Amino acid sequence: MKRVAIIGGGASGLSAAFELHKQQCAGADVEYVVWERAPRMGGVLVSERVDNCLIEAGPDSFLTEKPWALTLCRELGLGDQIIGSNDDQRRTFILINNRLVEMPDGLMFMVPTKLLPTVLTPLFSWPTKLRMALELLRKPQAVAGDTDESVAVFVERHFGAEVVDRLADPLLSGIYGADSDKLSVRAVLPRFIEMEQKYGSLCKGMLAARHRMAEMAKHSDKPKPPLFSSLKQGMQQLVDALLTKLPPQALHTGVEVLEVRGNGVCGNGAGWELLGDGLRESFDAVILATPAHVAGHLLQAADEELAELLSGISYSSSVTINLVYDRRAIAGHDRGFGFLVPRSEGRRMLACTFVHNKFPHRAPEDCGIVRGFLGGLRDQRAVEMSDEEILSTIRRELREITGITAEPRTARVYRWRRAMSQPSVGHLERVARIEARLRQFPGLALAGNYFRGIGVPDCVRTGREAAKKVAVAAEVTTSR
């Protein structure tokens, strides 16, 4: 019997457990245990029913184009529970000089693909619009495969500093809680790198991609998929479904693992030992489905080099605020999916989502859900503020930006400390070094949002891949 320990009961850890459970059901001689230090499984996937509304404490959806979360949902029997974003209402605004300006039609993640909307938008100045037009003339350039730079430097080379300030920064701050001058373009926008190398111009690359998508749509009878997908009962429904498939005796909450040691000759497949408060157990393999800095701390005794590489990945903290209003009280102030706030605006709010427009299933017709975000690298103190300070800040800025003056019916504040990984410049090189080091430890695997993607699908993918790796390693080891 191969024993596998999974440390961390978030999306990555539970996905790893489910993969091992499937192998077990298929006849594999494997046993697994999940250890989670929090009092509940699921990590940041937390959904609550409040005032007849469904609110999300963490992510409210995932990108449809990344298949791993959708695949897992269907394997769990949740296929009929998958819902899509209301893309007919998908308008996004940017706060410019304290005024909400709509992102122009045809703008595909900061790259313009339609002439007239780009010319007419007040989002950009005329010098920036001219630079966007001239960007079409850029020629392909050979770039060394390991060359990296920040998103800000990359975008400024193509479109200028104004696009960095008004698009790149707010878009990526809403996703990573970091500024574009800190993030690696190769880790965050790999498609842009490919487009630059093939076409020179990002506009040409996006137009070609758009043409390909249009041709595929002509030959497909399937409707265009929504940008975002979620579940009818919220993202926690994924966690709940996973927990119903896994045996309760394999799941341990409220137990903190403090150290992971090689049992015998470290890393030769002889096994691993978990140490904690009242915990000392041996396993054939270990999956660390924790934040990178936690994994680094746990592995100090096992391998200092690997621990140092993992501990060097930085994280930011964030605060999510859900406000439930009478729909009539915010009517006319809740346009589209919401808005993003550039750093230059001097606000603490990073972004705001009008959930009832994005996912109408989340609220009854008489309610509106407004979701605001604070924190990130630029405002690390936000997570330490009291609920009263947070609510006062978010309501004041909402009033000044949107004109919403009504008192919310209900308010919820959620803090996520060091939860969002930051793929800084050189991140992929660090990941390659981590993976090379891991090859010395066949019974050890890592999973989480710090490799090549930060979303729920990426967590699911890394969890399942980690489970497959250790299962194969355990099979080889025990057959010797």
Protein backbone atom coordinates (compact mmCIF):
# COMPACT_ATOMS: atom_id res chain seq x y z
CA MET A 1 0.00 0.00 0.00
CA LYS A 2 1.44 3.38 -1.07
CA ARG A 3 0.66 6.14 1.43
CA VAL A 4 0.48 9.73 0.15
CA ALA A 5 0.21 12.83 2.35
CA ILE A 6 -1.40 15.95 0.91
CA ILE A 7 -0.65 19.11 2.88
CA GLY A 8 -3.20 21.83 2.14
CA GLY A 9 -6.94 21.39 1.62
CA GLY A 10 -7.64 24.16 -0.89
CA ALA A 11 -8.56 23.68 -4.55
CA SER A 12 -5.13 22.23 -5.38
CA GLY A 13 -5.01 19.77 -2.47
CA LEU A 14 -8.57 18.54 -2.90
CA SER A 15 -8.02 18.12 -6.65
CA ALA A 16 -4.95 16.02 -5.89
CA ALA A 17 -6.97 13.92 -3.44
CA PHE A 18 -9.72 13.40 -6.01
CA GLU A 19 -7.18 12.24 -8.60
CA LEU A 20 -5.75 9.71 -6.14
CA HIS A 21 -9.29 8.66 -5.20
CA LYS A 22 -10.02 7.92 -8.86
CA GLN A 23 -6.88 5.82 -9.11
CA GLN A 24 -7.84 4.02 -5.91
CA CYS A 25 -11.30 3.25 -7.32
CA ALA A 26 -9.64 1.90 -10.46
CA GLY A 27 -7.68 -0.60 -8.38
CA ALA A 28 -4.47 1.26 -7.54
CA ASP A 29 -2.91 0.23 -4.26
CA VAL A 30 -2.76 3.77 -2.88
CA GLU A 31 -3.95 5.51 0.29
CA TYR A 32 -4.03 9.26 0.85
CA VAL A 33 -4.52 11.69 3.74
CA VAL A 34 -5.22 15.44 3.49
CA TRP A 35 -3.95 17.73 6.26
CA GLU A 36 -5.39 21.27 6.49
CA ARG A 37 -4.45 23.69 9.25
CA ALA A 38 -7.65 25.77 8.89
CA PRO A 39 -10.91 24.58 10.50
CA ARG A 40 -12.45 23.93 7.05
CA MET A 41 -11.43 22.59 3.65
CA GLY A 42 -11.63 24.70 0.54
CA GLY A 43 -9.20 27.57 1.07
CA VAL A 44 -10.40 30.77 -0.60
CA LEU A 45 -13.46 29.10 -2.17
CA VAL A 46 -16.10 30.34 0.26
CA SER A 47 -19.72 31.07 -0.71
CA GLU A 48 -22.41 32.38 1.64
CA ARG A 49 -26.16 32.94 1.50
CA VAL A 50 -26.82 36.42 2.85
CA ASP A 51 -30.12 38.32 2.62
CA ASN A 52 -31.38 35.97 -0.14
CA CYS A 53 -28.19 36.63 -2.12
CA LEU A 54 -25.23 34.38 -2.91
CA ILE A 55 -21.97 36.15 -2.15
CA GLU A 56 -18.42 35.00 -2.72
CA ALA A 57 -15.61 35.63 -0.26
CA GLY A 58 -12.92 34.65 -2.75
CA PRO A 59 -13.01 34.11 -6.53
CA ASP A 60 -16.54 34.25 -7.98
CA SER A 61 -15.71 32.43 -11.23
CA PHE A 62 -12.98 31.09 -13.48
CA LEU A 63 -11.92 31.61 -17.09
CA THR A 64 -13.93 29.32 -19.36
CA GLU A 65 -11.09 28.92 -21.86
CA LYS A 66 -8.95 27.10 -19.27
CA PRO A 67 -10.56 23.62 -19.30
CA TRP A 68 -9.34 22.02 -16.08
CA ALA A 69 -11.97 23.37 -13.66
CA LEU A 70 -14.82 22.67 -16.11
CA THR A 71 -13.56 19.12 -16.63
CA LEU A 72 -13.41 18.52 -12.89
CA CYS A 73 -16.92 19.92 -12.39
CA ARG A 74 -18.29 17.52 -14.99
CA GLU A 75 -16.45 14.55 -13.47
CA LEU A 76 -18.07 15.45 -10.13
CA GLY A 77 -21.54 15.44 -11.69
CA LEU A 78 -21.86 19.22 -11.65
CA GLY A 79 -22.28 19.64 -15.40
CA ASP A 80 -25.85 20.91 -15.02
CA GLN A 81 -24.72 23.34 -12.30
CA ILE A 82 -22.28 25.27 -14.50
CA ILE A 83 -23.38 28.80 -15.37
CA GLY A 84 -21.81 31.42 -17.60
CA SER A 85 -21.30 35.14 -17.15
CA ASN A 86 -23.94 37.44 -18.62
CA ASP A 87 -21.71 38.63 -21.45
CA ASP A 88 -24.47 40.76 -23.00
CA GLN A 89 -23.87 43.09 -20.04
CA ARG A 90 -20.08 42.79 -20.22
CA ARG A 91 -19.03 46.39 -20.21
CA THR A 92 -16.05 47.42 -18.12
CA PHE A 93 -15.13 50.95 -17.09
CA ILE A 94 -11.84 52.59 -16.11
CA LEU A 95 -11.70 55.46 -13.63
CA ILE A 96 -9.98 58.37 -15.39
CA ASN A 97 -9.78 61.76 -13.65
CA ASN A 98 -12.52 60.58 -11.28
CA ARG A 99 -14.82 59.77 -14.22
CA LEU A 100 -15.83 56.28 -15.37
CA VAL A 101 -14.83 55.75 -19.00
CA GLU A 102 -15.98 52.64 -20.83
CA MET A 103 -13.37 50.40 -22.39
CA PRO A 104 -13.89 50.62 -26.17
CA ASP A 105 -15.33 47.79 -28.22
CA GLY A 106 -12.69 45.57 -29.80
CA LEU A 107 -10.15 46.07 -27.02
CA MET A 108 -8.80 42.59 -26.32
CA PHE A 109 -6.88 42.77 -23.05
CA MET A 110 -5.34 46.20 -23.77
CA VAL A 111 -4.80 45.52 -27.49
CA PRO A 112 -7.11 47.43 -29.91
CA THR A 113 -8.60 45.42 -32.79
CA LYS A 114 -11.24 47.90 -34.05
CA LEU A 115 -10.32 51.26 -35.55
CA LEU A 116 -13.38 53.46 -35.00
CA PRO A 117 -14.01 52.66 -31.31
CA THR A 118 -10.30 53.23 -30.60
CA VAL A 119 -10.32 56.58 -32.39
CA LEU A 120 -13.47 57.79 -30.63
CA THR A 121 -12.77 56.62 -27.07
CA PRO A 122 -11.89 59.28 -24.47
CA LEU A 123 -9.87 56.63 -22.63
CA PHE A 124 -6.69 57.54 -24.55
CA SER A 125 -5.13 60.80 -25.64
CA TRP A 126 -4.47 61.50 -29.33
CA PRO A 127 -0.70 60.83 -29.03
CA THR A 128 -1.51 57.39 -27.59
CA LYS A 129 -4.05 56.69 -30.34
CA LEU A 130 -1.43 57.61 -32.95
CA ARG A 131 1.10 55.33 -31.27
CA MET A 132 -1.46 52.49 -31.33
CA ALA A 133 -1.90 53.01 -35.08
CA LEU A 134 1.85 53.02 -35.68
CA GLU A 135 2.20 49.84 -33.63
CA LEU A 136 0.77 47.98 -36.62
CA LEU A 137 4.04 48.72 -38.45
CA ARG A 138 6.27 46.91 -35.95
CA LYS A 139 8.33 44.07 -37.43
CA PRO A 140 9.02 40.69 -35.77
CA GLN A 141 12.16 40.65 -33.66
CA ALA A 142 14.24 37.68 -32.58
CA VAL A 143 14.40 37.59 -28.79
CA ALA A 144 16.46 35.24 -26.63
CA GLY A 145 14.23 32.57 -25.13
CA ASP A 146 15.20 33.38 -21.56
CA THR A 147 14.91 37.17 -21.83
CA ASP A 148 12.31 38.57 -19.45
CA GLU A 149 11.03 42.01 -18.59
CA SER A 150 8.16 43.55 -16.70
CA VAL A 151 4.69 43.86 -18.20
CA ALA A 152 5.00 47.64 -17.86
CA VAL A 153 8.20 47.80 -19.93
CA PHE A 154 6.74 45.45 -22.57
CA VAL A 155 3.44 47.33 -22.93
CA GLU A 156 5.15 50.72 -22.95
CA ARG A 157 7.40 49.58 -25.81
CA HIS A 158 4.29 48.83 -27.86
CA PHE A 159 1.72 51.42 -26.84
CA GLY A 160 3.27 53.95 -24.48
CA ALA A 161 3.10 54.87 -20.79
CA GLU A 162 -0.55 55.95 -20.87
CA VAL A 163 -1.70 52.42 -21.75
CA VAL A 164 0.40 51.07 -18.88
CA ASP A 165 -1.26 53.48 -16.46
CA ARG A 166 -4.84 53.22 -17.73
CA LEU A 167 -5.03 49.55 -18.76
CA ALA A 168 -2.10 47.28 -17.87
CA ASP A 169 -1.81 48.40 -14.26
CA PRO A 170 -5.52 48.27 -13.29
CA LEU A 171 -6.22 45.07 -15.23
CA LEU A 172 -3.37 43.16 -13.64
CA SER A 173 -3.78 44.73 -10.21
CA GLY A 174 -7.32 43.34 -10.19
CA ILE A 175 -6.00 39.84 -10.93
CA TYR A 176 -2.69 39.65 -9.06
CA GLY A 177 -2.84 42.53 -6.61
CA ALA A 178 0.46 43.73 -8.09
CA ASP A 179 1.60 46.56 -10.33
CA SER A 180 2.60 45.88 -13.91
CA ASP A 181 6.17 47.09 -13.31
CA LYS A 182 6.68 44.13 -10.93
CA LEU A 183 5.10 41.32 -12.98
CA SER A 184 6.92 39.11 -15.49
CA VAL A 185 5.56 39.45 -19.02
CA ARG A 186 6.65 35.90 -19.86
CA ALA A 187 4.74 34.47 -16.90
CA VAL A 188 1.67 36.69 -17.10
CA LEU A 189 1.23 37.34 -20.85
CA PRO A 190 2.96 34.50 -22.71
CA ARG A 191 0.67 34.90 -25.74
CA PHE A 192 1.85 38.48 -26.16
CA ILE A 193 5.44 37.25 -26.32
CA GLU A 194 4.48 34.76 -29.04
CA MET A 195 2.64 37.46 -30.99
CA GLU A 196 5.59 39.85 -30.78
CA GLN A 197 7.98 37.20 -32.07
CA LYS A 198 5.69 36.12 -34.91
CA TYR A 199 4.09 39.40 -35.99
CA GLY A 200 6.07 42.17 -34.30
CA SER A 201 2.81 44.02 -33.75
CA LEU A 202 0.41 42.92 -31.00
CA CYS A 203 -2.43 44.49 -32.98
CA LYS A 204 -1.60 42.26 -35.97
CA GLY A 205 -1.37 39.25 -33.69
CA MET A 206 -4.74 39.93 -32.06
CA LEU A 207 -6.40 40.57 -35.42
CA ALA A 208 -5.07 37.24 -36.68
CA ALA A 209 -6.33 35.49 -33.53
CA ARG A 210 -9.70 37.16 -33.92
CA HIS A 211 -9.91 36.01 -37.54
CA ARG A 212 -9.11 32.43 -36.52
CA MET A 213 -11.83 32.50 -33.86
CA ALA A 214 -14.35 33.84 -36.37
CA GLU A 215 -13.49 31.07 -38.84
CA MET A 216 -13.83 28.42 -36.15
CA ALA A 217 -17.20 29.84 -35.12
CA LYS A 218 -18.44 29.57 -38.74
CA HIS A 219 -17.74 25.83 -38.75
CA SER A 220 -19.14 25.13 -35.31
CA ASP A 221 -22.73 24.73 -34.26
CA LYS A 222 -21.85 25.45 -30.63
CA PRO A 223 -22.71 28.86 -29.18
CA LYS A 224 -19.86 31.17 -28.23
CA PRO A 225 -18.75 30.21 -24.70
CA PRO A 226 -19.00 32.82 -21.94
CA LEU A 227 -15.84 34.54 -20.78
CA PHE A 228 -16.34 33.38 -17.18
CA SER A 229 -17.93 30.26 -15.71
CA SER A 230 -19.14 29.53 -12.20
CA LEU A 231 -21.58 27.27 -10.35
CA LYS A 232 -25.22 27.89 -9.47
CA GLN A 233 -24.61 27.58 -5.73
CA GLY A 234 -21.29 29.44 -5.81
CA MET A 235 -17.67 28.39 -6.05
CA GLN A 236 -17.87 26.52 -2.76
CA GLN A 237 -20.14 24.06 -4.54
CA LEU A 238 -16.99 22.67 -6.15
CA VAL A 239 -15.45 22.11 -2.71
CA ASP A 240 -18.63 20.53 -1.34
CA ALA A 241 -18.83 18.16 -4.31
CA LEU A 242 -15.20 17.11 -3.86
CA LEU A 243 -15.75 16.45 -0.16
CA THR A 244 -18.71 14.17 -0.87
CA LYS A 245 -16.45 12.01 -3.07
CA LEU A 246 -13.62 11.71 -0.54
CA PRO A 247 -13.78 9.50 2.58
CA PRO A 248 -14.09 11.61 5.77
CA GLN A 249 -11.40 9.57 7.53
CA ALA A 250 -8.89 10.82 4.95
CA LEU A 251 -9.58 14.49 5.69
CA HIS A 252 -8.05 16.24 8.70
CA THR A 253 -8.74 19.90 9.51
CA GLY A 254 -7.31 22.04 12.28
CA VAL A 255 -3.95 20.22 12.14
CA GLU A 256 -0.82 22.13 11.21
CA VAL A 257 2.12 20.26 9.71
CA LEU A 258 5.31 22.00 10.86
CA GLU A 259 8.03 20.10 9.01
CA VAL A 260 8.53 17.62 6.18
CA ARG A 261 11.64 15.44 6.38
CA GLY A 262 13.14 12.81 4.16
CA ASN A 263 12.72 9.48 5.94
CA GLY A 264 16.11 7.85 5.61
CA VAL A 265 18.18 9.15 2.71
CA CYS A 266 16.31 12.27 1.74
CA GLY A 267 14.74 12.18 -1.68
CA ASN A 268 15.73 8.65 -2.75
CA GLY A 269 12.18 7.37 -2.56
CA ALA A 270 12.70 5.82 0.88
CA GLY A 271 9.82 7.92 2.20
CA TRP A 272 8.89 11.08 4.01
CA GLU A 273 8.05 12.00 7.58
CA LEU A 274 5.53 14.65 8.62
CA LEU A 275 6.03 16.41 11.93
CA GLY A 276 3.55 18.66 13.71
CA ASP A 277 1.90 19.36 17.03
CA GLY A 278 1.09 15.81 18.13
CA LEU A 279 1.77 14.55 14.61
CA ARG A 280 4.53 12.20 13.45
CA GLU A 281 3.70 9.98 10.48
CA SER A 282 5.58 8.41 7.59
CA PHE A 283 4.46 8.37 3.95
CA ASP A 284 5.77 7.09 0.65
CA ALA A 285 5.08 10.43 -1.03
CA VAL A 286 4.07 13.99 -0.15
CA ILE A 287 2.16 16.65 -2.10
CA LEU A 288 2.60 20.20 -0.84
CA ALA A 289 -0.53 22.07 -1.93
CA THR A 290 0.25 25.20 0.07
CA PRO A 291 1.43 28.72 -0.79
CA ALA A 292 5.06 28.69 -1.93
CA HIS A 293 6.38 30.37 1.21
CA VAL A 294 4.65 27.76 3.40
CA ALA A 295 6.09 24.94 1.29
CA GLY A 296 9.53 26.54 1.60
CA HIS A 297 9.25 26.66 5.37
CA LEU A 298 8.14 23.01 5.58
CA LEU A 299 11.05 21.82 3.42
CA GLN A 300 13.87 23.60 5.25
CA ALA A 301 15.19 20.38 6.78
CA ALA A 302 14.65 18.32 3.62
CA ASP A 303 16.39 20.57 1.09
CA GLU A 304 17.64 24.10 1.72
CA GLU A 305 18.00 24.96 -1.97
CA LEU A 306 14.42 24.03 -2.84
CA ALA A 307 13.15 25.77 0.30
CA GLU A 308 14.97 28.98 -0.63
CA LEU A 309 13.62 28.96 -4.18
CA LEU A 310 10.06 28.55 -2.94
CA SER A 311 10.40 31.14 -0.19
CA GLY A 312 11.59 33.70 -2.74
CA ILE A 313 8.17 33.86 -4.44
CA SER A 314 6.36 36.89 -3.06
CA TYR A 315 2.67 37.14 -2.20
CA SER A 316 0.21 39.96 -1.66
CA SER A 317 -2.79 40.21 0.65
CA SER A 318 -6.26 41.40 -0.29
CA VAL A 319 -9.64 42.33 1.15
CA THR A 320 -12.95 41.46 -0.52
CA ILE A 321 -16.03 43.46 0.47
CA ASN A 322 -19.58 42.41 -0.44
CA LEU A 323 -22.36 45.01 -0.11
CA VAL A 324 -26.00 44.04 -0.66
CA TYR A 325 -28.32 46.90 -1.68
CA ASP A 326 -31.94 47.42 -2.63
CA ARG A 327 -31.72 47.31 -6.43
CA ARG A 328 -33.71 50.53 -6.79
CA ALA A 329 -31.22 52.39 -4.58
CA ILE A 330 -28.32 51.75 -6.97
CA ALA A 331 -30.20 51.77 -10.30
CA GLY A 332 -28.32 53.78 -12.89
CA HIS A 333 -25.10 53.69 -10.86
CA ASP A 334 -24.32 50.01 -11.54
CA ARG A 335 -23.25 49.99 -15.17
CA GLY A 336 -21.86 46.85 -16.77
CA PHE A 337 -19.70 44.35 -14.93
CA GLY A 338 -17.96 47.08 -12.95
CA PHE A 339 -14.84 49.23 -13.06
CA LEU A 340 -11.07 49.23 -12.50
CA VAL A 341 -9.04 51.92 -10.76
CA PRO A 342 -5.57 52.96 -12.01
CA ARG A 343 -2.94 53.67 -9.40
CA SER A 344 -2.64 57.26 -10.65
CA GLU A 345 -6.18 57.99 -9.41
CA GLY A 346 -4.94 57.89 -5.81
CA ARG A 347 -7.74 55.61 -4.57
CA ARG A 348 -7.51 52.64 -2.23
CA MET A 349 -10.10 50.64 -4.15
CA LEU A 350 -8.55 48.40 -6.80
CA ALA A 351 -11.73 47.37 -8.57
CA CYS A 352 -15.48 46.96 -8.20
CA THR A 353 -17.85 44.33 -9.61
CA PHE A 354 -21.61 44.62 -9.97
CA VAL A 355 -22.26 40.95 -9.35
CA HIS A 356 -25.97 41.05 -10.20
CA ASN A 357 -25.05 42.15 -13.73
CA LYS A 358 -22.21 39.66 -14.17
CA PHE A 359 -24.15 36.71 -12.71
CA PRO A 360 -27.89 37.49 -12.46
CA HIS A 361 -28.38 34.15 -10.66
CA ARG A 362 -26.61 35.55 -7.59
CA ALA A 363 -29.36 37.94 -6.43
CA PRO A 364 -33.16 38.23 -6.57
CA GLU A 365 -34.61 41.03 -8.71
CA ASP A 366 -34.94 43.45 -5.79
CA CYS A 367 -31.27 43.12 -4.68
CA GLY A 368 -27.95 44.27 -6.05
CA ILE A 369 -24.53 42.95 -4.97
CA VAL A 370 -21.54 45.29 -5.14
CA ARG A 371 -18.13 43.68 -4.65
CA GLY A 372 -15.12 45.88 -3.89
CA PHE A 373 -11.43 45.05 -3.50
CA LEU A 374 -8.65 46.59 -1.43
CA GLY A 375 -5.06 45.61 -0.76
CA GLY A 376 -2.45 44.27 -3.12
CA LEU A 377 1.24 45.15 -3.03
CA ARG A 378 0.53 48.86 -3.14
CA ASP A 379 -1.66 48.76 -0.01
CA GLN A 380 -0.54 45.92 2.22
CA ARG A 381 -1.92 47.64 5.32
CA ALA A 382 -5.51 47.26 4.11
CA VAL A 383 -5.75 43.71 5.46
CA GLU A 384 -4.97 45.00 8.97
CA MET A 385 -7.74 47.63 8.97
CA SER A 386 -10.84 47.08 11.08
CA ASP A 387 -14.12 46.17 9.41
CA GLU A 388 -15.39 49.66 10.22
CA GLU A 389 -12.39 51.33 8.50
CA ILE A 390 -12.70 49.06 5.46
CA LEU A 391 -16.43 49.66 5.05
CA SER A 392 -16.04 53.39 5.56
CA THR A 393 -13.30 53.52 2.91
CA ILE A 394 -15.15 51.44 0.33
CA ARG A 395 -18.47 53.27 0.81
CA ARG A 396 -16.84 56.69 0.58
CA GLU A 397 -15.03 55.82 -2.63
CA LEU A 398 -18.13 54.19 -4.11
CA ARG A 399 -20.08 57.35 -3.36
CA GLU A 400 -17.43 59.59 -4.92
CA ILE A 401 -16.95 57.39 -8.00
CA THR A 402 -20.46 56.07 -8.76
CA GLY A 403 -22.80 58.28 -6.78
CA ILE A 404 -24.14 55.38 -4.68
CA THR A 405 -25.23 57.00 -1.41
CA ALA A 406 -27.67 54.39 -0.09
CA GLU A 407 -27.04 52.38 3.06
CA PRO A 408 -26.33 48.72 2.21
CA ARG A 409 -28.75 46.15 3.60
CA THR A 410 -25.88 43.82 4.45
CA ALA A 411 -22.08 44.01 4.37
CA ARG A 412 -19.42 41.30 4.59
CA VAL A 413 -15.64 41.73 4.79
CA TYR A 414 -13.16 38.93 3.99
CA ARG A 415 -9.40 39.15 4.47
CA TRP A 416 -6.95 37.00 2.53
CA ARG A 417 -3.43 37.25 3.91
CA ARG A 418 -0.58 36.39 1.54
CA ALA A 419 -2.97 34.53 -0.77
CA MET A 420 -2.05 35.90 -4.22
CA SER A 421 1.29 34.87 -5.69
CA GLN A 422 3.33 37.45 -7.58
CA PRO A 423 5.11 36.14 -10.70
CA SER A 424 7.83 38.79 -10.78
CA VAL A 425 10.43 39.27 -13.51
CA GLY A 426 12.45 36.05 -13.82
CA HIS A 427 9.61 33.95 -12.40
CA LEU A 428 9.68 31.25 -15.09
CA GLU A 429 13.41 30.81 -14.61
CA ARG A 430 12.75 30.30 -10.88
CA VAL A 431 9.99 27.78 -11.68
CA ALA A 432 12.36 25.88 -13.99
CA ARG A 433 14.93 25.68 -11.19
CA ILE A 434 12.26 24.46 -8.76
CA GLU A 435 11.16 21.77 -11.21
CA ALA A 436 14.76 20.71 -11.85
CA ARG A 437 15.36 20.40 -8.12
CA LEU A 438 12.13 18.45 -7.67
CA ARG A 439 13.42 15.80 -10.07
CA GLN A 440 15.83 14.81 -7.31
CA PHE A 441 12.81 13.95 -5.14
CA PRO A 442 10.49 11.54 -6.98
CA GLY A 443 8.21 11.17 -3.97
CA LEU A 444 7.67 14.92 -3.58
CA ALA A 445 5.32 17.13 -5.63
CA LEU A 446 4.13 20.72 -5.46
CA ALA A 447 0.79 22.22 -6.42
CA GLY A 448 -0.71 25.69 -6.22
CA ASN A 449 -1.24 29.04 -7.88
CA TYR A 450 2.43 30.04 -8.12
CA PHE A 451 3.60 28.06 -11.16
CA ARG A 452 2.16 29.25 -14.49
CA GLY A 453 -1.29 30.51 -13.56
CA ILE A 454 -3.13 31.98 -10.60
CA GLY A 455 -6.76 30.96 -11.20
CA VAL A 456 -8.88 28.06 -9.98
CA PRO A 457 -8.31 26.02 -13.19
CA ASP A 458 -4.54 26.32 -12.70
CA CYS A 459 -4.86 25.10 -9.11
CA VAL A 460 -6.94 22.12 -10.27
CA ARG A 461 -4.42 21.28 -12.99
CA THR A 462 -1.36 21.42 -10.72
CA GLY A 463 -3.13 19.36 -8.03
CA ARG A 464 -4.07 16.57 -10.40
CA GLU A 465 -0.66 16.56 -12.08
CA ALA A 466 1.04 16.34 -8.67
CA ALA A 467 -1.11 13.34 -7.76
CA LYS A 468 -0.20 11.56 -11.00
CA LYS A 469 3.49 12.25 -10.42
CA VAL A 470 3.65 10.82 -6.90
CA ALA A 471 1.46 7.87 -7.78
CA VAL A 472 3.88 6.87 -10.54
CA ALA A 473 6.89 7.51 -8.27
CA ALA A 474 5.39 5.39 -5.49
CA GLU A 475 4.65 2.60 -7.96
CA VAL A 476 8.27 2.59 -9.18
CA THR A 477 9.69 2.76 -5.66
CA THR A 478 7.64 -0.03 -4.15
CA SER A 479 8.31 -2.32 -7.12
CA ARG A 480 12.08 -2.22 -6.54
